[in-house]
């Protein structure tokens, strides 16, 4: 079973990385930038193919990333390549398109997957409307009922069920959460709810509110399009809340997952069925796109940040400064990945 899970994980990451890197690749090629290499994975090369276009197409050992190696990505670094084929010498708007194309591709992939899932399987509302309330739960005792819509939790607007779940995961004073709810009558009420401690079958303890989302299915082309874009926005807004919560300490770094944690999620998804695996591709594709567009060094967003600075100051940023910025960022990123992976491994034992 572990081998099947590993193969599925490699396949999912491969699809997401391929789509992302193809975005950079196709636009760089369209704009005439010289490309040395297109690689899926990191580390030692397992297979290589020299294309008729002179580009090395490689598959590398570790399926945790990928890259497109272009001439002159930061500065004029290859005298053998014509000046106009160096990325740093391309017009500003072309460099911007090349940098954001990977993220855009990830987002498009996710929206297409969500659309077809809604079309084939039906879609649910993204609004945080309560579909179930467990008997004798904290939610029932507080007065929550099926059909109620949760508007906010601890002053955080609950625009979607995904964002609501992150709001519930955030630390709260005395473990008490303030819900702003719109009742089925239209009345808005404020409720203070303290989740109950529940012991699971494996002996672990979790805090439970005892409420679930509305699972009513909607069908049709228009409903599927609406669902795809609403769900996309819902996931992005929940990720934005997660990032801000990490900086404010409301969510611990221990809550993050790396490759080992994703392996566990893939295993759980396989046991649920193919639809959950397909949804996982969409979710992770949005995740990869969102993380990459953050203005952090070593990410696409970090490089876009330097392009914006260049546009504002009307001259390129010193290449040594930019390279140092990305190098330090990459080192910090690797340290974070090691820490998260270590925490993931500890959760297995």
Protein backbone atom coordinates (compact mmCIF):
# COMPACT_ATOMS: atom_id res chain seq x y z
CA UNK A 1 0.00 0.00 0.00
CA UNK A 2 2.84 2.40 0.84
CA UNK A 3 4.32 1.85 -2.61
CA UNK A 4 1.02 2.71 -4.33
CA UNK A 5 0.68 5.83 -2.18
CA UNK A 6 4.23 6.88 -3.07
CA UNK A 7 3.59 6.38 -6.80
CA UNK A 8 0.35 8.41 -6.62
CA UNK A 9 2.16 11.17 -4.69
CA UNK A 10 4.91 11.31 -7.34
CA UNK A 11 2.27 11.40 -10.09
CA UNK A 12 0.33 14.25 -8.42
CA UNK A 13 3.45 16.33 -7.73
CA UNK A 14 4.70 15.58 -11.24
CA UNK A 15 1.50 16.88 -12.83
CA UNK A 16 1.47 20.06 -10.74
CA UNK A 17 5.18 20.79 -11.27
CA UNK A 18 4.96 20.01 -15.01
CA UNK A 19 2.05 22.41 -15.44
CA UNK A 20 3.84 25.12 -13.43
CA UNK A 21 7.19 24.86 -15.20
CA UNK A 22 5.55 24.56 -18.60
CA UNK A 23 4.07 28.01 -18.00
CA UNK A 24 7.56 29.51 -17.58
CA UNK A 25 8.91 27.41 -20.45
CA UNK A 26 6.34 28.15 -23.14
CA UNK A 27 6.34 31.91 -22.58
CA UNK A 28 10.14 32.08 -22.41
CA UNK A 29 10.28 30.18 -25.68
CA UNK A 30 7.56 32.39 -27.18
CA UNK A 31 9.53 35.53 -26.34
CA UNK A 32 12.78 34.10 -27.73
CA UNK A 33 14.65 33.57 -24.46
CA UNK A 34 17.43 30.97 -24.72
CA UNK A 35 16.58 27.91 -22.57
CA UNK A 36 19.27 25.51 -21.38
CA UNK A 37 17.16 22.98 -19.53
CA UNK A 38 13.61 21.97 -18.63
CA UNK A 39 13.64 19.68 -15.57
CA UNK A 40 10.98 17.89 -13.54
CA UNK A 41 12.27 17.00 -10.09
CA UNK A 42 15.46 17.97 -8.28
CA UNK A 43 18.82 16.30 -7.64
CA UNK A 44 20.64 13.80 -9.89
CA UNK A 45 19.40 13.31 -13.46
CA UNK A 46 17.57 10.00 -14.04
CA UNK A 47 16.76 10.55 -17.70
CA UNK A 48 17.71 13.21 -20.22
CA UNK A 49 16.67 14.00 -23.77
CA UNK A 50 18.19 16.59 -26.08
CA UNK A 51 15.39 18.17 -28.09
CA UNK A 52 15.66 19.38 -31.67
CA UNK A 53 15.48 22.87 -30.19
CA UNK A 54 18.74 22.21 -28.33
CA UNK A 55 17.06 22.15 -24.91
CA UNK A 56 17.85 19.41 -22.38
CA UNK A 57 14.63 17.82 -21.11
CA UNK A 58 15.43 16.07 -17.82
CA UNK A 59 13.73 13.96 -15.18
CA UNK A 60 15.56 14.19 -11.86
CA UNK A 61 15.59 11.92 -8.83
CA UNK A 62 13.54 13.81 -6.25
CA UNK A 63 9.94 14.76 -7.23
CA UNK A 64 9.81 17.83 -4.98
CA UNK A 65 10.22 20.55 -7.54
CA UNK A 66 11.37 21.44 -11.01
CA UNK A 67 12.83 24.32 -12.96
CA UNK A 68 13.43 25.95 -16.33
CA UNK A 69 17.01 27.14 -16.71
CA UNK A 70 17.13 30.27 -18.89
CA UNK A 71 20.05 32.38 -20.05
CA UNK A 72 20.46 35.69 -18.28
CA UNK A 73 17.74 35.15 -15.66
CA UNK A 74 19.15 37.92 -13.47
CA UNK A 75 22.02 39.49 -15.43
CA UNK A 76 24.13 39.06 -18.58
CA UNK A 77 25.85 35.79 -17.66
CA UNK A 78 26.64 34.03 -20.97
CA UNK A 79 28.76 35.62 -23.68
CA UNK A 80 27.98 32.76 -26.09
CA UNK A 81 24.28 33.64 -26.21
CA UNK A 82 23.05 36.58 -28.34
CA UNK A 83 22.20 39.55 -26.11
CA UNK A 84 18.57 39.65 -27.26
CA UNK A 85 18.06 36.03 -26.13
CA UNK A 86 19.01 36.75 -22.51
CA UNK A 87 15.99 37.03 -20.27
CA UNK A 88 17.42 40.08 -18.47
CA UNK A 89 17.45 41.93 -21.81
CA UNK A 90 13.85 41.18 -22.74
CA UNK A 91 11.20 43.91 -22.30
CA UNK A 92 9.88 44.37 -18.78
CA UNK A 93 6.38 43.06 -19.56
CA UNK A 94 7.80 39.89 -21.15
CA UNK A 95 9.88 39.09 -18.07
CA UNK A 96 6.82 39.64 -15.88
CA UNK A 97 4.70 37.28 -17.98
CA UNK A 98 7.41 34.59 -17.91
CA UNK A 99 7.69 34.83 -14.12
CA UNK A 100 3.95 34.69 -13.34
CA UNK A 101 3.05 32.14 -16.04
CA UNK A 102 3.76 29.16 -13.78
CA UNK A 103 1.41 30.43 -11.08
CA UNK A 104 -1.28 31.25 -13.65
CA UNK A 105 -1.02 27.72 -15.08
CA UNK A 106 -1.46 26.21 -11.61
CA UNK A 107 -4.54 28.32 -11.01
CA UNK A 108 -6.01 27.44 -14.43
CA UNK A 109 -5.42 23.72 -13.80
CA UNK A 110 -7.23 23.92 -10.46
CA UNK A 111 -10.21 25.84 -11.86
CA UNK A 112 -10.58 23.38 -14.77
CA UNK A 113 -10.47 20.39 -12.38
CA UNK A 114 -13.01 21.98 -10.03
CA UNK A 115 -15.30 22.80 -12.97
CA UNK A 116 -15.32 19.21 -14.26
CA UNK A 117 -15.79 17.85 -10.74
CA UNK A 118 -18.85 20.06 -10.35
CA UNK A 119 -20.11 19.06 -13.79
CA UNK A 120 -19.67 15.32 -13.25
CA UNK A 121 -20.29 14.90 -9.52
CA UNK A 122 -22.32 17.97 -8.62
CA UNK A 123 -21.14 20.88 -6.51
CA UNK A 124 -21.87 22.22 -3.04
CA UNK A 125 -22.09 25.80 -1.86
CA UNK A 126 -18.91 27.41 -0.58
CA UNK A 127 -20.91 29.55 1.87
CA UNK A 128 -20.51 28.50 5.53
CA UNK A 129 -24.09 27.27 5.88
CA UNK A 130 -24.55 24.64 8.57
CA UNK A 131 -25.75 21.28 7.21
CA UNK A 132 -25.42 19.14 10.35
CA UNK A 133 -25.31 19.72 14.10
CA UNK A 134 -24.29 16.80 16.32
CA UNK A 135 -26.52 15.98 19.26
CA UNK A 136 -25.21 17.20 22.64
CA UNK A 137 -22.35 19.00 20.91
CA UNK A 138 -20.97 22.42 21.78
CA UNK A 139 -22.67 23.80 18.65
CA UNK A 140 -26.10 22.47 19.63
CA UNK A 141 -25.79 23.67 23.22
CA UNK A 142 -24.89 27.16 21.98
CA UNK A 143 -28.00 27.28 19.80
CA UNK A 144 -26.66 26.62 16.31
CA UNK A 145 -29.14 24.96 13.95
CA UNK A 146 -29.16 23.42 10.48
CA UNK A 147 -29.55 26.18 7.90
CA UNK A 148 -27.81 28.86 9.97
CA UNK A 149 -25.07 30.78 8.16
CA UNK A 150 -21.88 31.64 10.03
CA UNK A 151 -20.86 35.21 9.19
CA UNK A 152 -17.73 35.60 11.31
CA UNK A 153 -15.61 33.91 13.96
CA UNK A 154 -13.61 36.05 16.40
CA UNK A 155 -14.18 39.05 14.10
CA UNK A 156 -12.76 37.17 11.09
CA UNK A 157 -15.23 37.25 8.22
CA UNK A 158 -16.26 33.70 7.33
CA UNK A 159 -16.71 34.20 3.59
CA UNK A 160 -16.39 30.47 2.90
CA UNK A 161 -16.29 27.11 4.65
CA UNK A 162 -12.56 26.77 3.93
CA UNK A 163 -11.82 30.11 5.60
CA UNK A 164 -14.12 29.20 8.50
CA UNK A 165 -12.10 26.04 9.16
CA UNK A 166 -8.87 28.04 9.37
CA UNK A 167 -10.58 30.54 11.70
CA UNK A 168 -11.59 27.66 13.98
CA UNK A 169 -8.03 26.30 13.90
CA UNK A 170 -6.54 29.59 15.09
CA UNK A 171 -5.72 29.96 18.78
CA UNK A 172 -8.45 31.68 20.78
CA UNK A 173 -8.43 33.08 24.32
CA UNK A 174 -9.66 30.47 26.81
CA UNK A 175 -10.56 28.25 23.82
CA UNK A 176 -13.78 30.22 23.44
CA UNK A 177 -14.83 31.34 19.95
CA UNK A 178 -17.24 34.16 19.20
CA UNK A 179 -19.59 33.26 16.34
CA UNK A 180 -21.65 35.82 14.45
CA UNK A 181 -24.53 33.86 12.95
CA UNK A 182 -27.45 34.64 10.65
CA UNK A 183 -30.38 32.46 11.67
CA UNK A 184 -32.81 31.03 9.14
CA UNK A 185 -35.24 33.76 10.25
CA UNK A 186 -32.77 36.42 9.09
CA UNK A 187 -31.90 37.45 12.64
CA UNK A 188 -28.18 37.90 13.39
CA UNK A 189 -26.91 36.63 16.73
CA UNK A 190 -23.58 36.50 18.54
CA UNK A 191 -22.77 33.19 20.24
CA UNK A 192 -19.81 32.20 22.39
CA UNK A 193 -18.85 28.55 21.85
CA UNK A 194 -16.21 26.48 23.63
CA UNK A 195 -15.46 23.23 21.76
CA UNK A 196 -15.62 19.96 23.68
CA UNK A 197 -12.61 17.70 24.12
CA UNK A 198 -13.22 14.38 22.32
CA UNK A 199 -11.08 11.23 22.54
CA UNK A 200 -10.61 9.50 19.19
CA UNK A 201 -10.33 5.75 18.59
CA UNK A 202 -6.53 5.98 18.46
CA UNK A 203 -6.45 7.67 21.86
CA UNK A 204 -5.67 11.17 20.62
CA UNK A 205 -7.74 14.11 21.84
CA UNK A 206 -9.28 16.78 19.62
CA UNK A 207 -11.49 19.79 20.24
CA UNK A 208 -14.88 19.38 18.55
CA UNK A 209 -17.59 21.93 17.77
CA UNK A 210 -19.99 19.37 16.36
CA UNK A 211 -21.11 21.08 13.16
CA UNK A 212 -20.81 20.23 9.49
CA UNK A 213 -21.25 21.97 6.16
CA UNK A 214 -24.29 21.93 3.89
CA UNK A 215 -23.79 19.03 1.43
CA UNK A 216 -26.71 19.85 -0.88
CA UNK A 217 -25.65 19.09 -4.47
CA UNK A 218 -26.12 21.51 -7.37
CA UNK A 219 -25.88 20.38 -10.99
CA UNK A 220 -25.49 22.01 -14.39
CA UNK A 221 -22.97 23.93 -16.50
CA UNK A 222 -23.57 27.34 -14.89
CA UNK A 223 -23.53 25.91 -11.36
CA UNK A 224 -20.22 24.16 -12.13
CA UNK A 225 -18.57 27.34 -13.43
CA UNK A 226 -19.78 29.25 -10.39
CA UNK A 227 -18.52 26.51 -8.08
CA UNK A 228 -15.07 26.37 -9.75
CA UNK A 229 -14.39 30.09 -9.31
CA UNK A 230 -16.03 30.36 -5.87
CA UNK A 231 -14.12 27.33 -4.57
CA UNK A 232 -10.89 28.71 -6.03
CA UNK A 233 -11.47 32.02 -4.23
CA UNK A 234 -12.43 30.15 -1.07
CA UNK A 235 -9.18 28.17 -0.98
CA UNK A 236 -7.04 31.23 -1.76
CA UNK A 237 -8.70 33.29 1.01
CA UNK A 238 -8.14 30.46 3.50
CA UNK A 239 -4.45 30.32 2.52
CA UNK A 240 -4.12 34.07 2.97
CA UNK A 241 -5.59 33.74 6.47
CA UNK A 242 -3.18 30.87 7.21
CA UNK A 243 -0.14 32.98 6.21
CA UNK A 244 -1.22 35.97 8.32
CA UNK A 245 -2.00 33.64 11.24
CA UNK A 246 1.50 32.16 11.05
CA UNK A 247 3.04 35.62 11.32
CA UNK A 248 0.80 36.61 14.24
CA UNK A 249 1.35 33.31 16.07
CA UNK A 250 -2.32 32.30 15.93
CA UNK A 251 -1.26 29.18 14.02
CA UNK A 252 1.93 27.28 14.86
CA UNK A 253 4.54 26.24 12.29
CA UNK A 254 3.88 22.69 13.49
CA UNK A 255 0.54 22.87 11.68
CA UNK A 256 2.28 23.01 8.29
CA UNK A 257 2.97 19.89 6.24
CA UNK A 258 5.80 19.00 3.89
CA UNK A 259 6.26 16.05 1.52
CA UNK A 260 5.87 13.50 4.33
CA UNK A 261 2.64 15.12 5.50
CA UNK A 262 1.33 15.27 1.92
CA UNK A 263 2.16 11.54 1.58
CA UNK A 264 -0.17 10.87 4.53
CA UNK A 265 -2.92 13.01 2.96
CA UNK A 266 -2.56 11.14 -0.35
CA UNK A 267 -2.93 7.84 1.50
CA UNK A 268 -6.13 9.05 3.15
CA UNK A 269 -7.43 10.33 -0.21
CA UNK A 270 -6.81 6.96 -1.89
CA UNK A 271 -8.97 5.27 0.75
CA UNK A 272 -11.80 7.77 0.10
CA UNK A 273 -11.78 7.41 -3.69
CA UNK A 274 -10.71 8.88 -7.02
CA UNK A 275 -12.80 12.03 -6.62
CA UNK A 276 -10.87 12.98 -3.49
CA UNK A 277 -7.57 12.42 -5.28
CA UNK A 278 -8.66 14.63 -8.18
CA UNK A 279 -9.72 17.34 -5.72
CA UNK A 280 -6.34 17.02 -4.00
CA UNK A 281 -4.60 17.82 -7.30
CA UNK A 282 -6.68 21.01 -7.59
CA UNK A 283 -6.03 21.96 -3.95
CA UNK A 284 -2.28 21.37 -4.13
CA UNK A 285 -2.06 23.17 -7.48
CA UNK A 286 -3.62 26.26 -5.91
CA UNK A 287 -1.29 25.84 -2.94
CA UNK A 288 1.81 25.68 -5.15
CA UNK A 289 0.66 28.69 -7.15
CA UNK A 290 -0.19 30.73 -4.06
CA UNK A 291 3.09 29.99 -2.28
CA UNK A 292 5.11 30.74 -5.41
CA UNK A 293 3.57 34.18 -5.93
CA UNK A 294 4.38 35.33 -2.38
CA UNK A 295 7.02 38.12 -2.44
CA UNK A 296 9.57 35.87 -0.75
CA UNK A 297 13.14 35.32 -2.06
CA UNK A 298 13.66 32.20 -4.17
CA UNK A 299 9.96 32.19 -5.13
CA UNK A 300 8.55 33.57 -8.37
CA UNK A 301 6.92 36.30 -6.30
CA UNK A 302 10.31 37.36 -4.95
CA UNK A 303 11.61 37.85 -8.47
CA UNK A 304 8.43 39.72 -9.45
CA UNK A 305 9.08 42.00 -6.48
CA UNK A 306 12.46 42.98 -7.96
CA UNK A 307 10.81 43.63 -11.31
CA UNK A 308 8.35 45.97 -9.60
CA UNK A 309 11.23 47.73 -7.80
CA UNK A 310 13.01 48.05 -11.16
CA UNK A 311 9.90 49.64 -12.69
CA UNK A 312 9.57 52.10 -9.81
CA UNK A 313 13.25 53.15 -9.77
CA UNK A 314 13.48 52.94 -13.59
CA UNK A 315 16.68 50.93 -13.48
CA UNK A 316 17.57 47.30 -12.69
CA UNK A 317 18.42 46.31 -9.13
CA UNK A 318 22.10 45.44 -8.65
CA UNK A 319 22.43 41.79 -9.72
CA UNK A 320 24.69 40.94 -6.75
CA UNK A 321 22.08 42.25 -4.30
CA UNK A 322 19.28 40.31 -5.99
CA UNK A 323 21.33 37.09 -6.13
CA UNK A 324 22.26 37.43 -2.44
CA UNK A 325 18.60 38.05 -1.60
CA UNK A 326 17.50 34.88 -3.40
CA UNK A 327 20.36 32.80 -2.00
CA UNK A 328 19.58 33.73 1.61
CA UNK A 329 15.89 33.12 0.96
CA UNK A 330 16.61 29.69 -0.53
CA UNK A 331 18.71 28.71 2.51
CA UNK A 332 15.96 29.84 4.89
CA UNK A 333 13.41 27.94 2.79
CA UNK A 334 15.47 24.74 2.99
CA UNK A 335 15.80 25.12 6.78
CA UNK A 336 12.03 25.55 7.03
CA UNK A 337 11.44 22.48 4.83
CA UNK A 338 13.78 20.37 6.99
CA UNK A 339 11.97 21.53 10.14
CA UNK A 340 8.51 20.82 8.69
CA UNK A 341 9.60 17.42 7.38
CA UNK A 342 11.04 16.53 10.80
CA UNK A 343 7.72 17.49 12.43
CA UNK A 344 5.84 15.38 9.86
CA UNK A 345 8.01 12.36 10.67
CA UNK A 346 7.43 12.82 14.41
CA UNK A 347 3.66 12.73 13.81
CA UNK A 348 4.03 9.23 12.35
CA UNK A 349 5.35 7.89 15.65
